Amino acid sequence: MKKDTLRSIGFYSLSDRRAEEVSSTSQMERCELIITEDCNFSCPYCRGLEEYIYGSREVKQLSLSEVKYYIDLWCEGTPLVNIRFSGGEPTMHPDIVEIVEYAKSKGIQRIAISTNGSNDIALYYRLIEAGCNDFSISLDACCASDGDKLSGGVVGSWNTVIENIRILSAMVYVSVGAVLVPFNIASTLKTITLAHDLGVSDIRIISAAQYNKPIPGLKAVSDDILDAHPILKYRVNHFIEGRNVRGIQETDTHKCSIVLDDSVIAGDYHFPCVIYMREKGKPIGRVSSTMREDRVAWFSTHDTYKDKICRKNCLDVCIDHNNACEKFRVKR
């Protein structure tokens, strides 16, 4: 059997099949909804959202009816395959359980939540019962003193997060993300080892956009740990080879096929991707029944290498996916 190169990276939403079949009419693979701007942490690397996204709303979040409408748009015809709810801190949305239940009722296979992991474990149990089968949890430090500082000074938060990661990792797919800045980069190896010992499914290391430099010392990560976590292995190998997490090269494709079968929504705007949104890029347009047509038009005219946000910040996994899409497109 031919090896699925993209699947081997470790991100379950990626596959050679997806890259080969993507088009203006192919099945929607993934959507990310920024359901709230509310958060109990104030992480130093967090960019927040542009003011216009929620405009004059008193509460900076999507209503339950808006979330359902957006899900319905992406599930017209064939159900969306993967959905992710993020924020802010999505578990602070008052309707988060109902939101997950609705996503499940629409036939969505993978329902993910990006969380700081600090909420009451009872809520996470309810979310699993409602249909959530993936938690992406921030783990930026290997000790309580650093962890509490990186949360913005929420004392005791790190211990809660660690215990929740341990419990949830025994129940569903859990990946942890370590955002690295000068403050915590020296402890990267300890953070990786801790995450492995907690039993997580995978580990994502990334330098913060404001920092965006190579991560030293990764040759010391053991083969046992690398073999247990494909995304970590993918990233570590890149760093060792001198490839950073972010940045499009001139030899890469200058087209973003991700916008064709993927979307990120915040407020009532849709963006090319979550990185583009976080880096203050302009939305493709307003959410509407013509949203996909708008994205196809953006794809047709947009050169990602000429776009400074894309060229500097596009992630390695997205670049590899887009290169594969271009290769299959040429073959057709």
C-alpha atoms as a PDB file:
ATOM      1  CA  MET A   1       0.000   0.000   0.000  1.00  0.00           C
ATOM      2  CA  LYS A   2       1.256   3.449  -0.923  1.00  0.00           C
ATOM      3  CA  LYS A   3       2.240   5.543   2.088  1.00  0.00           C
ATOM      4  CA  ASP A   4      -0.053   8.499   2.841  1.00  0.00           C
ATOM      5  CA  THR A   5       2.597  11.207   3.185  1.00  0.00           C
ATOM      6  CA  LEU A   6       0.332  13.863   4.683  1.00  0.00           C
ATOM      7  CA  ARG A   7      -1.379  11.462   7.088  1.00  0.00           C
ATOM      8  CA  SER A   8       2.012  10.453   8.462  1.00  0.00           C
ATOM      9  CA  ILE A   9       2.563  14.013   9.699  1.00  0.00           C
ATOM     10  CA  GLY A  10       0.066  13.309  12.492  1.00  0.00           C
ATOM     11  CA  PHE A  11      -2.715  15.854  11.923  1.00  0.00           C
ATOM     12  CA  TYR A  12      -5.827  13.720  11.435  1.00  0.00           C
ATOM     13  CA  SER A  13      -7.516  16.299   9.185  1.00  0.00           C
ATOM     14  CA  LEU A  14      -4.716  15.905   6.595  1.00  0.00           C
ATOM     15  CA  SER A  15      -4.412  13.170   4.005  1.00  0.00           C
ATOM     16  CA  ASP A  16      -3.185  12.643   0.469  1.00  0.00           C
ATOM     17  CA  ARG A  17      -6.807  11.906  -0.471  1.00  0.00           C
ATOM     18  CA  ARG A  18      -7.877  15.350   0.719  1.00  0.00           C
ATOM     19  CA  ALA A  19      -5.025  17.033  -1.171  1.00  0.00           C
ATOM     20  CA  GLU A  20      -5.822  15.121  -4.341  1.00  0.00           C
ATOM     21  CA  GLU A  21      -9.578  15.755  -4.275  1.00  0.00           C
ATOM     22  CA  VAL A  22      -9.759  19.386  -3.073  1.00  0.00           C
ATOM     23  CA  SER A  23     -11.727  21.653  -5.369  1.00  0.00           C
ATOM     24  CA  SER A  24     -14.428  24.316  -5.314  1.00  0.00           C
ATOM     25  CA  THR A  25     -17.038  21.591  -4.849  1.00  0.00           C
ATOM     26  CA  SER A  26     -15.239  18.929  -2.791  1.00  0.00           C
ATOM     27  CA  GLN A  27     -16.437  18.018   0.678  1.00  0.00           C
ATOM     28  CA  MET A  28     -15.754  20.586   3.402  1.00  0.00           C
ATOM     29  CA  GLU A  29     -13.079  19.066   5.615  1.00  0.00           C
ATOM     30  CA  ARG A  30     -12.713  21.426   8.522  1.00  0.00           C
ATOM     31  CA  CYS A  31     -14.068  24.604  10.100  1.00  0.00           C
ATOM     32  CA  GLU A  32     -12.906  26.531  13.139  1.00  0.00           C
ATOM     33  CA  LEU A  33     -15.316  28.776  15.011  1.00  0.00           C
ATOM     34  CA  ILE A  34     -14.073  31.471  17.384  1.00  0.00           C
ATOM     35  CA  ILE A  35     -17.076  31.288  19.665  1.00  0.00           C
ATOM     36  CA  THR A  36     -16.004  33.729  22.379  1.00  0.00           C
ATOM     37  CA  GLU A  37     -13.370  36.312  23.151  1.00  0.00           C
ATOM     38  CA  ASP A  38     -13.807  35.760  26.896  1.00  0.00           C
ATOM     39  CA  CYS A  39     -10.862  34.125  28.675  1.00  0.00           C
ATOM     40  CA  ASN A  40      -9.713  33.611  32.252  1.00  0.00           C
ATOM     41  CA  PHE A  41      -6.033  33.740  31.219  1.00  0.00           C
ATOM     42  CA  SER A  42      -3.996  36.607  29.815  1.00  0.00           C
ATOM     43  CA  CYS A  43      -1.132  34.794  28.075  1.00  0.00           C
ATOM     44  CA  PRO A  44       1.639  37.191  26.968  1.00  0.00           C
ATOM     45  CA  TYR A  45       1.752  35.901  23.371  1.00  0.00           C
ATOM     46  CA  CYS A  46      -2.019  36.040  22.784  1.00  0.00           C
ATOM     47  CA  ARG A  47      -2.971  38.563  20.087  1.00  0.00           C
ATOM     48  CA  GLY A  48      -6.707  38.782  20.733  1.00  0.00           C
ATOM     49  CA  LEU A  49      -9.184  39.777  18.032  1.00  0.00           C
ATOM     50  CA  GLU A  50      -9.581  42.967  16.060  1.00  0.00           C
ATOM     51  CA  GLU A  51     -12.191  45.310  17.531  1.00  0.00           C
ATOM     52  CA  TYR A  52     -14.354  45.347  14.408  1.00  0.00           C
ATOM     53  CA  ILE A  53     -14.992  41.592  14.591  1.00  0.00           C
ATOM     54  CA  TYR A  54     -17.511  41.915  17.383  1.00  0.00           C
ATOM     55  CA  GLY A  55     -18.180  45.588  16.795  1.00  0.00           C
ATOM     56  CA  SER A  56     -20.519  47.129  19.339  1.00  0.00           C
ATOM     57  CA  ARG A  57     -21.663  43.842  20.863  1.00  0.00           C
ATOM     58  CA  GLU A  58     -21.905  44.042  24.616  1.00  0.00           C
ATOM     59  CA  VAL A  59     -20.901  40.379  24.889  1.00  0.00           C
ATOM     60  CA  LYS A  60     -17.928  39.470  22.693  1.00  0.00           C
ATOM     61  CA  GLN A  61     -19.082  36.046  21.574  1.00  0.00           C
ATOM     62  CA  LEU A  62     -21.304  34.224  19.121  1.00  0.00           C
ATOM     63  CA  SER A  63     -24.839  33.386  20.211  1.00  0.00           C
ATOM     64  CA  LEU A  64     -26.007  29.780  20.158  1.00  0.00           C
ATOM     65  CA  SER A  65     -28.255  30.544  17.188  1.00  0.00           C
ATOM     66  CA  GLU A  66     -25.318  32.071  15.263  1.00  0.00           C
ATOM     67  CA  VAL A  67     -23.135  29.041  15.930  1.00  0.00           C
ATOM     68  CA  LYS A  68     -25.899  26.709  14.716  1.00  0.00           C
ATOM     69  CA  TYR A  69     -26.380  28.809  11.577  1.00  0.00           C
ATOM     70  CA  TYR A  70     -22.662  28.726  10.766  1.00  0.00           C
ATOM     71  CA  ILE A  71     -22.522  24.964  11.305  1.00  0.00           C
ATOM     72  CA  ASP A  72     -25.566  24.557   9.049  1.00  0.00           C
ATOM     73  CA  LEU A  73     -23.850  26.523   6.268  1.00  0.00           C
ATOM     74  CA  TRP A  74     -20.819  24.236   6.341  1.00  0.00           C
ATOM     75  CA  CYS A  75     -22.944  21.086   6.543  1.00  0.00           C
ATOM     76  CA  GLU A  76     -25.120  21.763   3.508  1.00  0.00           C
ATOM     77  CA  GLY A  77     -25.137  18.662   1.359  1.00  0.00           C
ATOM     78  CA  THR A  78     -22.343  16.495   2.789  1.00  0.00           C
ATOM     79  CA  PRO A  79     -21.602  16.962   6.519  1.00  0.00           C
ATOM     80  CA  LEU A  80     -18.453  18.771   7.579  1.00  0.00           C
ATOM     81  CA  VAL A  81     -15.765  16.254   8.590  1.00  0.00           C
ATOM     82  CA  ASN A  82     -13.929  18.150  11.356  1.00  0.00           C
ATOM     83  CA  ILE A  83     -14.876  21.149  13.479  1.00  0.00           C
ATOM     84  CA  ARG A  84     -12.930  23.056  16.120  1.00  0.00           C
ATOM     85  CA  PHE A  85     -14.271  25.491  18.699  1.00  0.00           C
ATOM     86  CA  SER A  86     -11.827  28.043  20.061  1.00  0.00           C
ATOM     87  CA  GLY A  87     -11.609  31.553  21.472  1.00  0.00           C
ATOM     88  CA  GLY A  88     -10.735  33.150  23.877  1.00  0.00           C
ATOM     89  CA  GLU A  89     -11.463  30.232  26.113  1.00  0.00           C
ATOM     90  CA  PRO A  90     -14.342  28.318  24.491  1.00  0.00           C
ATOM     91  CA  THR A  91     -15.273  26.422  27.647  1.00  0.00           C
ATOM     92  CA  MET A  92     -16.351  29.767  29.133  1.00  0.00           C
ATOM     93  CA  HIS A  93     -19.125  30.074  26.534  1.00  0.00           C
ATOM     94  CA  PRO A  94     -22.393  29.481  28.429  1.00  0.00           C
ATOM     95  CA  ASP A  95     -23.741  27.223  25.664  1.00  0.00           C
ATOM     96  CA  ILE A  96     -20.611  25.185  24.980  1.00  0.00           C
ATOM     97  CA  VAL A  97     -22.257  21.837  25.800  1.00  0.00           C
ATOM     98  CA  GLU A  98     -25.256  22.577  23.569  1.00  0.00           C
ATOM     99  CA  ILE A  99     -22.872  23.708  20.805  1.00  0.00           C
ATOM    100  CA  VAL A 100     -21.014  20.387  20.892  1.00  0.00           C
ATOM    101  CA  GLU A 101     -24.297  18.449  20.970  1.00  0.00           C
ATOM    102  CA  TYR A 102     -25.491  20.302  17.882  1.00  0.00           C
ATOM    103  CA  ALA A 103     -22.266  19.613  16.005  1.00  0.00           C
ATOM    104  CA  LYS A 104     -22.630  15.925  16.779  1.00  0.00           C
ATOM    105  CA  SER A 105     -26.256  15.939  15.633  1.00  0.00           C
ATOM    106  CA  LYS A 106     -25.101  17.205  12.221  1.00  0.00           C
ATOM    107  CA  GLY A 107     -22.938  14.146  11.670  1.00  0.00           C
ATOM    108  CA  ILE A 108     -19.557  15.835  12.166  1.00  0.00           C
ATOM    109  CA  GLN A 109     -16.976  13.140  12.861  1.00  0.00           C
ATOM    110  CA  ARG A 110     -14.293  14.980  14.820  1.00  0.00           C
ATOM    111  CA  ILE A 111     -15.339  17.661  17.291  1.00  0.00           C
ATOM    112  CA  ALA A 112     -12.391  19.484  18.817  1.00  0.00           C
ATOM    113  CA  ILE A 113     -12.023  22.176  21.459  1.00  0.00           C
ATOM    114  CA  SER A 114      -8.928  24.346  21.905  1.00  0.00           C
ATOM    115  CA  THR A 115      -8.757  25.098  25.608  1.00  0.00           C
ATOM    116  CA  ASN A 116      -6.333  26.261  28.265  1.00  0.00           C
ATOM    117  CA  GLY A 117      -7.459  23.214  30.245  1.00  0.00           C
ATOM    118  CA  SER A 118      -8.234  25.091  33.460  1.00  0.00           C
ATOM    119  CA  ASN A 119     -12.002  24.580  33.707  1.00  0.00           C
ATOM    120  CA  ASP A 120     -13.651  22.168  36.113  1.00  0.00           C
ATOM    121  CA  ILE A 121     -13.086  18.563  35.083  1.00  0.00           C
ATOM    122  CA  ALA A 122     -16.826  17.952  35.386  1.00  0.00           C
ATOM    123  CA  LEU A 123     -17.406  20.263  32.410  1.00  0.00           C
ATOM    124  CA  TYR A 124     -14.881  18.371  30.298  1.00  0.00           C
ATOM    125  CA  TYR A 125     -16.705  15.126  31.186  1.00  0.00           C
ATOM    126  CA  ARG A 126     -19.967  16.700  29.981  1.00  0.00           C
ATOM    127  CA  LEU A 127     -18.312  17.823  26.757  1.00  0.00           C
ATOM    128  CA  ILE A 128     -17.075  14.295  26.053  1.00  0.00           C
ATOM    129  CA  GLU A 129     -20.586  12.940  26.691  1.00  0.00           C
ATOM    130  CA  ALA A 130     -21.948  15.595  24.310  1.00  0.00           C
ATOM    131  CA  GLY A 131     -19.624  14.444  21.523  1.00  0.00           C
ATOM    132  CA  CYS A 132     -16.235  16.171  21.892  1.00  0.00           C
ATOM    133  CA  ASN A 133     -13.495  13.695  20.984  1.00  0.00           C
ATOM    134  CA  ASP A 134     -10.464  15.998  20.790  1.00  0.00           C
ATOM    135  CA  PHE A 135      -9.002  18.504  23.220  1.00  0.00           C
ATOM    136  CA  SER A 136      -6.078  20.718  22.271  1.00  0.00           C
ATOM    137  CA  ILE A 137      -4.656  22.053  25.526  1.00  0.00           C
ATOM    138  CA  SER A 138      -1.996  24.693  26.092  1.00  0.00           C
ATOM    139  CA  LEU A 139       1.053  23.491  28.012  1.00  0.00           C
ATOM    140  CA  ASP A 140       3.692  26.199  27.892  1.00  0.00           C
ATOM    141  CA  ALA A 141       5.728  25.293  30.965  1.00  0.00           C
ATOM    142  CA  CYS A 142       7.110  22.343  32.889  1.00  0.00           C
ATOM    143  CA  CYS A 143       6.604  23.751  36.383  1.00  0.00           C
ATOM    144  CA  ALA A 144       3.920  25.591  38.339  1.00  0.00           C
ATOM    145  CA  SER A 145       5.859  28.824  38.840  1.00  0.00           C
ATOM    146  CA  ASP A 146       6.444  29.331  35.110  1.00  0.00           C
ATOM    147  CA  GLY A 147       3.016  28.003  34.142  1.00  0.00           C
ATOM    148  CA  ASP A 148       1.187  30.389  36.420  1.00  0.00           C
ATOM    149  CA  LYS A 149       3.237  33.307  35.083  1.00  0.00           C
ATOM    150  CA  LEU A 150       2.469  32.404  31.470  1.00  0.00           C
ATOM    151  CA  SER A 151      -1.245  32.253  32.254  1.00  0.00           C
ATOM    152  CA  GLY A 152      -1.048  35.891  33.290  1.00  0.00           C
ATOM    153  CA  GLY A 153      -0.626  35.220  36.989  1.00  0.00           C
ATOM    154  CA  VAL A 154      -3.526  32.831  37.648  1.00  0.00           C
ATOM    155  CA  VAL A 155      -2.103  31.147  40.746  1.00  0.00           C
ATOM    156  CA  GLY A 156      -2.744  27.402  40.883  1.00  0.00           C
ATOM    157  CA  SER A 157      -3.801  27.186  37.245  1.00  0.00           C
ATOM    158  CA  TRP A 158      -0.855  25.049  36.146  1.00  0.00           C
ATOM    159  CA  ASN A 159      -1.600  22.286  38.654  1.00  0.00           C
ATOM    160  CA  THR A 160      -5.242  22.192  37.534  1.00  0.00           C
ATOM    161  CA  VAL A 161      -4.245  22.020  33.873  1.00  0.00           C
ATOM    162  CA  ILE A 162      -1.747  19.220  34.485  1.00  0.00           C
ATOM    163  CA  GLU A 163      -4.287  17.084  36.338  1.00  0.00           C
ATOM    164  CA  ASN A 164      -6.946  17.691  33.686  1.00  0.00           C
ATOM    165  CA  ILE A 165      -4.528  16.707  30.914  1.00  0.00           C
ATOM    166  CA  ARG A 166      -3.708  13.493  32.753  1.00  0.00           C
ATOM    167  CA  ILE A 167      -7.381  12.573  33.187  1.00  0.00           C
ATOM    168  CA  LEU A 168      -8.556  13.538  29.705  1.00  0.00           C
ATOM    169  CA  SER A 169      -5.632  11.828  27.949  1.00  0.00           C
ATOM    170  CA  ALA A 170      -6.906   8.504  29.274  1.00  0.00           C
ATOM    171  CA  MET A 171     -10.342   9.163  27.746  1.00  0.00           C
ATOM    172  CA  VAL A 172     -10.014  10.872  24.343  1.00  0.00           C
ATOM    173  CA  TYR A 173      -7.489  12.274  21.879  1.00  0.00           C
ATOM    174  CA  VAL A 174      -5.540  15.034  23.625  1.00  0.00           C
ATOM    175  CA  SER A 175      -2.750  17.073  22.082  1.00  0.00           C
ATOM    176  CA  VAL A 176      -0.831  19.757  23.912  1.00  0.00           C
ATOM    177  CA  GLY A 177       0.605  22.881  22.381  1.00  0.00           C
ATOM    178  CA  ALA A 178       3.708  24.551  23.750  1.00  0.00           C
ATOM    179  CA  VAL A 179       4.146  28.117  22.522  1.00  0.00           C
ATOM    180  CA  LEU A 180       7.775  29.036  23.025  1.00  0.00           C
ATOM    181  CA  VAL A 181       9.170  32.473  23.837  1.00  0.00           C
ATOM    182  CA  PRO A 182      12.494  33.559  25.377  1.00  0.00           C
ATOM    183  CA  PHE A 183      10.986  33.087  28.847  1.00  0.00           C
ATOM    184  CA  ASN A 184      10.261  29.354  28.523  1.00  0.00           C
ATOM    185  CA  ILE A 185      12.342  28.094  25.606  1.00  0.00           C
ATOM    186  CA  ALA A 186      15.173  26.833  27.842  1.00  0.00           C
ATOM    187  CA  SER A 187      12.785  24.320  29.423  1.00  0.00           C
ATOM    188  CA  THR A 188      11.420  22.949  26.131  1.00  0.00           C
ATOM    189  CA  LEU A 189      12.843  19.455  26.675  1.00  0.00           C
ATOM    190  CA  LYS A 190      11.368  19.244  30.179  1.00  0.00           C
ATOM    191  CA  THR A 191       7.977  20.378  28.881  1.00  0.00           C
ATOM    192  CA  ILE A 192       8.060  17.731  26.137  1.00  0.00           C
ATOM    193  CA  THR A 193       8.980  15.016  28.648  1.00  0.00           C
ATOM    194  CA  LEU A 194       6.219  16.114  31.011  1.00  0.00           C
ATOM    195  CA  ALA A 195       3.620  16.036  28.232  1.00  0.00           C
ATOM    196  CA  HIS A 196       4.743  12.548  27.213  1.00  0.00           C
ATOM    197  CA  ASP A 197       4.525  11.319  30.800  1.00  0.00           C
ATOM    198  CA  LEU A 198       0.973  12.692  31.064  1.00  0.00           C
ATOM    199  CA  GLY A 199      -0.073  10.299  28.313  1.00  0.00           C
ATOM    200  CA  VAL A 200      -1.039  12.808  25.610  1.00  0.00           C
ATOM    201  CA  SER A 201      -1.648  11.671  22.033  1.00  0.00           C
ATOM    202  CA  ASP A 202       0.643  14.287  20.512  1.00  0.00           C
ATOM    203  CA  ILE A 203       2.763  17.344  21.253  1.00  0.00           C
ATOM    204  CA  ARG A 204       2.935  20.514  19.148  1.00  0.00           C
ATOM    205  CA  ILE A 205       5.884  22.834  19.702  1.00  0.00           C
ATOM    206  CA  ILE A 206       5.890  26.210  18.025  1.00  0.00           C
ATOM    207  CA  SER A 207       7.756  29.448  18.503  1.00  0.00           C
ATOM    208  CA  ALA A 208       5.450  32.410  19.096  1.00  0.00           C
ATOM    209  CA  ALA A 209       4.806  34.638  16.086  1.00  0.00           C
ATOM    210  CA  GLN A 210       6.484  37.533  17.896  1.00  0.00           C
ATOM    211  CA  TYR A 211       9.591  35.384  18.489  1.00  0.00           C
ATOM    212  CA  ASN A 212       9.631  32.981  15.516  1.00  0.00           C
ATOM    213  CA  LYS A 213      13.123  31.560  15.975  1.00  0.00           C
ATOM    214  CA  PRO A 214      14.573  28.048  15.921  1.00  0.00           C
ATOM    215  CA  ILE A 215      14.218  25.951  19.070  1.00  0.00           C
ATOM    216  CA  PRO A 216      17.607  24.714  20.311  1.00  0.00           C
ATOM    217  CA  GLY A 217      18.529  21.386  21.905  1.00  0.00           C
ATOM    218  CA  LEU A 218      15.906  19.207  20.211  1.00  0.00           C
ATOM    219  CA  LYS A 219      18.407  16.531  19.210  1.00  0.00           C
ATOM    220  CA  ALA A 220      18.223  15.425  22.833  1.00  0.00           C
ATOM    221  CA  VAL A 221      14.584  14.313  22.546  1.00  0.00           C
ATOM    222  CA  SER A 222      14.584  10.514  22.845  1.00  0.00           C
ATOM    223  CA  ASP A 223      13.493   8.260  20.004  1.00  0.00           C
ATOM    224  CA  ASP A 224      10.879   6.675  22.275  1.00  0.00           C
ATOM    225  CA  ILE A 225       9.177  10.040  22.750  1.00  0.00           C
ATOM    226  CA  LEU A 226       9.455  10.986  19.081  1.00  0.00           C
ATOM    227  CA  ASP A 227       8.034   7.653  17.912  1.00  0.00           C
ATOM    228  CA  ALA A 228       5.052   8.046  20.248  1.00  0.00           C
ATOM    229  CA  HIS A 229       4.096  11.483  18.891  1.00  0.00           C
ATOM    230  CA  PRO A 230       4.134  11.943  15.086  1.00  0.00           C
ATOM    231  CA  ILE A 231       3.489  15.712  15.085  1.00  0.00           C
ATOM    232  CA  LEU A 232       6.326  16.244  17.543  1.00  0.00           C
ATOM    233  CA  LYS A 233       8.619  14.069  15.412  1.00  0.00           C
ATOM    234  CA  TYR A 234       7.652  16.033  12.293  1.00  0.00           C
ATOM    235  CA  ARG A 235       8.483  19.348  13.987  1.00  0.00           C
ATOM    236  CA  VAL A 236      11.659  18.207  15.708  1.00  0.00           C
ATOM    237  CA  ASN A 237      13.043  16.824  12.446  1.00  0.00           C
ATOM    238  CA  HIS A 238      12.303  20.141  10.762  1.00  0.00           C
ATOM    239  CA  PHE A 239      14.117  22.136  13.422  1.00  0.00           C
ATOM    240  CA  ILE A 240      17.115  19.813  13.281  1.00  0.00           C
ATOM    241  CA  GLU A 241      17.178  20.242   9.493  1.00  0.00           C
ATOM    242  CA  GLY A 242      17.135  24.027   9.941  1.00  0.00           C
ATOM    243  CA  ARG A 243      13.522  24.526   8.893  1.00  0.00           C
ATOM    244  CA  ASN A 244      11.473  26.808  11.131  1.00  0.00           C
ATOM    245  CA  VAL A 245       7.782  26.245  11.860  1.00  0.00           C
ATOM    246  CA  ARG A 246       6.755  29.379   9.972  1.00  0.00           C
ATOM    247  CA  GLY A 247       7.493  30.785   6.546  1.00  0.00           C
ATOM    248  CA  ILE A 248       6.804  30.167   2.845  1.00  0.00           C
ATOM    249  CA  GLN A 249       9.842  29.819   0.586  1.00  0.00           C
ATOM    250  CA  GLU A 250       9.905  31.000  -3.014  1.00  0.00           C
ATOM    251  CA  THR A 251      10.115  27.361  -4.142  1.00  0.00           C
ATOM    252  CA  ASP A 252       6.858  26.503  -2.364  1.00  0.00           C
ATOM    253  CA  THR A 253       3.504  26.880  -4.090  1.00  0.00           C
ATOM    254  CA  HIS A 254       2.104  30.409  -3.873  1.00  0.00           C
ATOM    255  CA  LYS A 255      -1.489  29.157  -3.759  1.00  0.00           C
ATOM    256  CA  CYS A 256      -3.452  28.297  -0.603  1.00  0.00           C
ATOM    257  CA  SER A 257      -5.717  25.333  -1.293  1.00  0.00           C
ATOM    258  CA  ILE A 258      -6.715  25.236   2.367  1.00  0.00           C
ATOM    259  CA  VAL A 259      -9.250  28.014   1.793  1.00  0.00           C
ATOM    260  CA  LEU A 260     -11.202  25.763  -0.578  1.00  0.00           C
ATOM    261  CA  ASP A 261     -12.285  23.128   1.956  1.00  0.00           C
ATOM    262  CA  ASP A 262     -11.478  24.775   5.287  1.00  0.00           C
ATOM    263  CA  SER A 263     -12.624  27.937   7.028  1.00  0.00           C
ATOM    264  CA  VAL A 264     -12.204  30.072  10.119  1.00  0.00           C
ATOM    265  CA  ILE A 265     -15.075  32.214  11.362  1.00  0.00           C
ATOM    266  CA  ALA A 266     -14.955  34.975  13.973  1.00  0.00           C
ATOM    267  CA  GLY A 267     -17.908  37.257  14.562  1.00  0.00           C
ATOM    268  CA  ASP A 268     -19.683  37.280  11.218  1.00  0.00           C
ATOM    269  CA  TYR A 269     -16.488  37.259   9.129  1.00  0.00           C
ATOM    270  CA  HIS A 270     -14.617  34.366   7.546  1.00  0.00           C
ATOM    271  CA  PHE A 271     -10.840  34.347   7.195  1.00  0.00           C
ATOM    272  CA  PRO A 272      -8.334  32.324   5.114  1.00  0.00           C
ATOM    273  CA  CYS A 273      -7.024  30.581   8.243  1.00  0.00           C
ATOM    274  CA  VAL A 274      -6.684  31.120  11.980  1.00  0.00           C
ATOM    275  CA  ILE A 275      -3.081  32.350  11.665  1.00  0.00           C
ATOM    276  CA  TYR A 276      -4.149  34.985   9.149  1.00  0.00           C
ATOM    277  CA  MET A 277      -6.867  36.143  11.510  1.00  0.00           C
ATOM    278  CA  ARG A 278      -4.552  36.255  14.552  1.00  0.00           C
ATOM    279  CA  GLU A 279      -1.998  38.278  12.598  1.00  0.00           C
ATOM    280  CA  LYS A 280      -4.645  40.933  11.834  1.00  0.00           C
ATOM    281  CA  GLY A 281      -5.158  39.981   8.216  1.00  0.00           C
ATOM    282  CA  LYS A 282      -8.347  41.160   6.542  1.00  0.00           C
ATOM    283  CA  PRO A 283     -11.245  38.708   6.294  1.00  0.00           C
ATOM    284  CA  ILE A 284     -12.245  37.241   2.966  1.00  0.00           C
ATOM    285  CA  GLY A 285     -15.764  38.505   3.599  1.00  0.00           C
ATOM    286  CA  ARG A 286     -18.922  38.268   5.652  1.00  0.00           C
ATOM    287  CA  VAL A 287     -20.424  34.908   6.495  1.00  0.00           C
ATOM    288  CA  SER A 288     -23.252  34.139   4.057  1.00  0.00           C
ATOM    289  CA  SER A 289     -24.613  31.472   1.741  1.00  0.00           C
ATOM    290  CA  THR A 290     -22.015  32.596  -0.848  1.00  0.00           C
ATOM    291  CA  MET A 291     -19.109  32.130   1.546  1.00  0.00           C
ATOM    292  CA  ARG A 292     -17.569  29.262  -0.358  1.00  0.00           C
ATOM    293  CA  GLU A 293     -17.754  31.078  -3.666  1.00  0.00           C
ATOM    294  CA  ASP A 294     -15.985  34.006  -1.996  1.00  0.00           C
ATOM    295  CA  ARG A 295     -13.229  31.682  -0.826  1.00  0.00           C
ATOM    296  CA  VAL A 296     -12.790  30.188  -4.295  1.00  0.00           C
ATOM    297  CA  ALA A 297     -12.404  33.705  -5.706  1.00  0.00           C
ATOM    298  CA  TRP A 298      -9.799  34.530  -3.028  1.00  0.00           C
ATOM    299  CA  PHE A 299      -7.891  31.358  -3.917  1.00  0.00           C
ATOM    300  CA  SER A 300      -7.925  32.205  -7.610  1.00  0.00           C
ATOM    301  CA  THR A 301      -6.427  35.659  -7.221  1.00  0.00           C
ATOM    302  CA  HIS A 302      -4.289  35.486  -4.079  1.00  0.00           C
ATOM    303  CA  ASP A 303      -0.507  35.007  -4.142  1.00  0.00           C
ATOM    304  CA  THR A 304       0.553  33.847  -0.675  1.00  0.00           C
ATOM    305  CA  TYR A 305       4.221  34.597  -1.290  1.00  0.00           C
ATOM    306  CA  LYS A 306       3.444  38.231  -2.050  1.00  0.00           C
ATOM    307  CA  ASP A 307       1.228  38.461   1.043  1.00  0.00           C
ATOM    308  CA  LYS A 308       3.533  39.374   3.944  1.00  0.00           C
ATOM    309  CA  ILE A 309       1.326  37.684   6.550  1.00  0.00           C
ATOM    310  CA  CYS A 310       1.250  34.396   4.636  1.00  0.00           C
ATOM    311  CA  ARG A 311       4.916  34.462   3.646  1.00  0.00           C
ATOM    312  CA  LYS A 312       6.136  35.073   7.193  1.00  0.00           C
ATOM    313  CA  ASN A 313       3.620  33.127   9.266  1.00  0.00           C
ATOM    314  CA  CYS A 314       2.271  30.176   7.265  1.00  0.00           C
ATOM    315  CA  LEU A 315       2.915  26.974   9.226  1.00  0.00           C
ATOM    316  CA  ASP A 316       5.044  24.098   7.949  1.00  0.00           C
ATOM    317  CA  VAL A 317       2.116  21.684   7.940  1.00  0.00           C
ATOM    318  CA  CYS A 318      -0.023  24.055   5.863  1.00  0.00           C
ATOM    319  CA  ILE A 319       2.847  24.627   3.431  1.00  0.00           C
ATOM    320  CA  ASP A 320       3.380  20.887   2.986  1.00  0.00           C
ATOM    321  CA  HIS A 321      -0.363  20.372   2.473  1.00  0.00           C
ATOM    322  CA  ASN A 322      -0.568  23.143  -0.121  1.00  0.00           C
ATOM    323  CA  ASN A 323       2.512  21.835  -1.940  1.00  0.00           C
ATOM    324  CA  ALA A 324       0.875  18.400  -2.121  1.00  0.00           C
ATOM    325  CA  CYS A 325      -2.356  19.948  -3.445  1.00  0.00           C
ATOM    326  CA  GLU A 326      -0.383  21.725  -6.162  1.00  0.00           C
ATOM    327  CA  LYS A 327       1.428  18.533  -7.107  1.00  0.00           C
ATOM    328  CA  PHE A 328      -1.839  16.631  -7.520  1.00  0.00           C
ATOM    329  CA  ARG A 329      -3.374  19.569  -9.402  1.00  0.00           C
ATOM    330  CA  VAL A 330      -0.519  19.530 -11.927  1.00  0.00           C
ATOM    331  CA  LYS A 331      -0.936  15.769 -12.414  1.00  0.00           C
ATOM    332  CA  ARG A 332      -4.614  16.233 -13.226  1.00  0.00           C
END
